[in-house]
Amino acid sequence: MNWLILLLAGLIEVAWSQSIKPTHNFTRPLPTLICLVLMAAAVWLLSQSMNTLPVGTAYAVFTGIGAVGAITLGIVVNDDPVSVGRMAALALIVGGIVLARVTT
């Protein structure tokens, strides 16, 4: 169950990462509020997953999900560049997440 909570925390972190830019440096009240709520939700869920998961593993998986999601959305939504290096980095991150899962 804590792995599902951690997955949800990571997905919310992806939403949080995408909610930062619309705040315009935290000068727009509603986008800023949404950003802060997403941040708090992601960290709270992360902390809940750490009730039974090792801290290092949970945090590494959390940030890995966030990184993969942010890069993927950047490519799909914002036309960020795609390169062999970026794809290799994504593959390594996903591999690390899988390895952390199967060895915990």
C-alpha atoms as a PDB file:
ATOM      1  CA  MET A   1       0.000   0.000   0.000  1.00  0.00           C
ATOM      2  CA  ASN A   2       2.814   2.399   0.811  1.00  0.00           C
ATOM      3  CA  TRP A   3       4.217   1.914  -2.687  1.00  0.00           C
ATOM      4  CA  LEU A   4       0.870   3.105  -4.101  1.00  0.00           C
ATOM      5  CA  ILE A   5       0.948   6.109  -1.775  1.00  0.00           C
ATOM      6  CA  LEU A   6       4.484   6.833  -2.950  1.00  0.00           C
ATOM      7  CA  LEU A   7       3.402   6.553  -6.594  1.00  0.00           C
ATOM      8  CA  LEU A   8       0.573   9.011  -5.937  1.00  0.00           C
ATOM      9  CA  ALA A   9       3.002  11.362  -4.184  1.00  0.00           C
ATOM     10  CA  GLY A  10       5.276  11.233  -7.231  1.00  0.00           C
ATOM     11  CA  LEU A  11       2.422  11.928  -9.625  1.00  0.00           C
ATOM     12  CA  ILE A  12       1.331  14.895  -7.534  1.00  0.00           C
ATOM     13  CA  GLU A  13       4.939  16.094  -7.558  1.00  0.00           C
ATOM     14  CA  VAL A  14       4.767  16.085 -11.359  1.00  0.00           C
ATOM     15  CA  ALA A  15       1.634  18.265 -11.203  1.00  0.00           C
ATOM     16  CA  TRP A  16       3.363  20.475  -8.655  1.00  0.00           C
ATOM     17  CA  SER A  17       6.398  20.951 -10.900  1.00  0.00           C
ATOM     18  CA  GLN A  18       4.130  22.027 -13.732  1.00  0.00           C
ATOM     19  CA  SER A  19       2.208  24.408 -11.461  1.00  0.00           C
ATOM     20  CA  ILE A  20       5.241  26.536 -10.581  1.00  0.00           C
ATOM     21  CA  LYS A  21       5.650  28.471 -13.845  1.00  0.00           C
ATOM     22  CA  PRO A  22       2.035  29.774 -13.971  1.00  0.00           C
ATOM     23  CA  THR A  23       2.589  31.485 -10.608  1.00  0.00           C
ATOM     24  CA  HIS A  24       4.820  34.027 -12.393  1.00  0.00           C
ATOM     25  CA  ASN A  25       7.348  34.025  -9.545  1.00  0.00           C
ATOM     26  CA  PHE A  26       4.553  33.591  -6.993  1.00  0.00           C
ATOM     27  CA  THR A  27       2.903  36.887  -7.937  1.00  0.00           C
ATOM     28  CA  ARG A  28      -0.440  35.391  -9.031  1.00  0.00           C
ATOM     29  CA  PRO A  29      -2.554  34.402  -6.019  1.00  0.00           C
ATOM     30  CA  LEU A  30      -4.654  31.520  -7.382  1.00  0.00           C
ATOM     31  CA  PRO A  31      -1.856  29.720  -9.243  1.00  0.00           C
ATOM     32  CA  THR A  32       0.367  30.227  -6.190  1.00  0.00           C
ATOM     33  CA  LEU A  33      -2.273  28.689  -3.928  1.00  0.00           C
ATOM     34  CA  ILE A  34      -2.658  25.706  -6.261  1.00  0.00           C
ATOM     35  CA  CYS A  35       1.115  25.283  -6.348  1.00  0.00           C
ATOM     36  CA  LEU A  36       1.416  25.355  -2.546  1.00  0.00           C
ATOM     37  CA  VAL A  37      -1.451  22.887  -2.081  1.00  0.00           C
ATOM     38  CA  LEU A  38       0.110  20.459  -4.574  1.00  0.00           C
ATOM     39  CA  MET A  39       3.488  20.810  -2.863  1.00  0.00           C
ATOM     40  CA  ALA A  40       2.024  20.135   0.575  1.00  0.00           C
ATOM     41  CA  ALA A  41       0.016  17.159  -0.701  1.00  0.00           C
ATOM     42  CA  ALA A  42       3.052  15.603  -2.391  1.00  0.00           C
ATOM     43  CA  VAL A  43       5.268  15.971   0.681  1.00  0.00           C
ATOM     44  CA  TRP A  44       2.541  14.731   3.035  1.00  0.00           C
ATOM     45  CA  LEU A  45       1.969  11.623   0.917  1.00  0.00           C
ATOM     46  CA  LEU A  46       5.727  11.071   0.728  1.00  0.00           C
ATOM     47  CA  SER A  47       5.929  11.218   4.518  1.00  0.00           C
ATOM     48  CA  GLN A  48       3.072   8.717   4.804  1.00  0.00           C
ATOM     49  CA  SER A  49       4.858   6.274   2.529  1.00  0.00           C
ATOM     50  CA  MET A  50       7.904   6.493   4.775  1.00  0.00           C
ATOM     51  CA  ASN A  51       5.985   4.808   7.587  1.00  0.00           C
ATOM     52  CA  THR A  52       7.206   1.468   6.232  1.00  0.00           C
ATOM     53  CA  LEU A  53       9.541   2.295   3.332  1.00  0.00           C
ATOM     54  CA  PRO A  54      13.162   3.283   3.903  1.00  0.00           C
ATOM     55  CA  VAL A  55      13.619   7.060   3.762  1.00  0.00           C
ATOM     56  CA  GLY A  56      16.335   6.970   1.118  1.00  0.00           C
ATOM     57  CA  THR A  57      14.419   4.615  -1.151  1.00  0.00           C
ATOM     58  CA  ALA A  58      11.159   6.545  -0.799  1.00  0.00           C
ATOM     59  CA  TYR A  59      12.801   9.892  -1.519  1.00  0.00           C
ATOM     60  CA  ALA A  60      14.801   8.575  -4.476  1.00  0.00           C
ATOM     61  CA  VAL A  61      11.690   7.029  -6.040  1.00  0.00           C
ATOM     62  CA  PHE A  62       9.646  10.191  -5.316  1.00  0.00           C
ATOM     63  CA  THR A  63      12.155  12.493  -7.004  1.00  0.00           C
ATOM     64  CA  GLY A  64      12.669   9.995  -9.833  1.00  0.00           C
ATOM     65  CA  ILE A  65       8.971   9.914 -10.627  1.00  0.00           C
ATOM     66  CA  GLY A  66       8.943  13.699 -10.495  1.00  0.00           C
ATOM     67  CA  ALA A  67      11.926  14.025 -12.805  1.00  0.00           C
ATOM     68  CA  VAL A  68      10.621  11.541 -15.369  1.00  0.00           C
ATOM     69  CA  GLY A  69       7.165  13.120 -15.317  1.00  0.00           C
ATOM     70  CA  ALA A  70       8.464  16.691 -15.569  1.00  0.00           C
ATOM     71  CA  ILE A  71      10.778  15.875 -18.468  1.00  0.00           C
ATOM     72  CA  THR A  72       8.091  13.875 -20.270  1.00  0.00           C
ATOM     73  CA  LEU A  73       5.483  16.611 -19.885  1.00  0.00           C
ATOM     74  CA  GLY A  74       8.033  19.178 -20.977  1.00  0.00           C
ATOM     75  CA  ILE A  75       8.608  17.231 -24.178  1.00  0.00           C
ATOM     76  CA  VAL A  76       4.929  16.491 -24.857  1.00  0.00           C
ATOM     77  CA  VAL A  77       3.314  19.751 -23.735  1.00  0.00           C
ATOM     78  CA  ASN A  78       6.024  22.420 -24.003  1.00  0.00           C
ATOM     79  CA  ASP A  79       7.955  21.082 -27.014  1.00  0.00           C
ATOM     80  CA  ASP A  80      11.145  20.737 -24.967  1.00  0.00           C
ATOM     81  CA  PRO A  81      13.992  19.250 -26.984  1.00  0.00           C
ATOM     82  CA  VAL A  82      14.376  15.487 -27.328  1.00  0.00           C
ATOM     83  CA  SER A  83      17.913  14.132 -27.501  1.00  0.00           C
ATOM     84  CA  VAL A  84      19.677  10.831 -27.101  1.00  0.00           C
ATOM     85  CA  GLY A  85      21.205  12.110 -23.864  1.00  0.00           C
ATOM     86  CA  ARG A  86      17.843  13.057 -22.357  1.00  0.00           C
ATOM     87  CA  MET A  87      16.321   9.722 -23.339  1.00  0.00           C
ATOM     88  CA  ALA A  88      19.300   7.893 -21.842  1.00  0.00           C
ATOM     89  CA  ALA A  89      18.912   9.914 -18.641  1.00  0.00           C
ATOM     90  CA  LEU A  90      15.214   9.007 -18.463  1.00  0.00           C
ATOM     91  CA  ALA A  91      16.023   5.335 -19.008  1.00  0.00           C
ATOM     92  CA  LEU A  92      18.582   5.412 -16.202  1.00  0.00           C
ATOM     93  CA  ILE A  93      16.140   7.117 -13.826  1.00  0.00           C
ATOM     94  CA  VAL A  94      13.379   4.609 -14.617  1.00  0.00           C
ATOM     95  CA  GLY A  95      15.860   1.769 -14.212  1.00  0.00           C
ATOM     96  CA  GLY A  96      16.882   3.140 -10.835  1.00  0.00           C
ATOM     97  CA  ILE A  97      13.265   3.401  -9.700  1.00  0.00           C
ATOM     98  CA  VAL A  98      12.589  -0.190 -10.756  1.00  0.00           C
ATOM     99  CA  LEU A  99      15.756  -1.429  -9.084  1.00  0.00           C
ATOM    100  CA  ALA A 100      14.865   0.398  -5.866  1.00  0.00           C
ATOM    101  CA  ARG A 101      11.415  -1.188  -5.932  1.00  0.00           C
ATOM    102  CA  VAL A 102      12.517  -4.747  -6.511  1.00  0.00           C
ATOM    103  CA  THR A 103      15.331  -4.636  -3.968  1.00  0.00           C
ATOM    104  CA  THR A 104      13.402  -3.035  -1.075  1.00  0.00           C
END
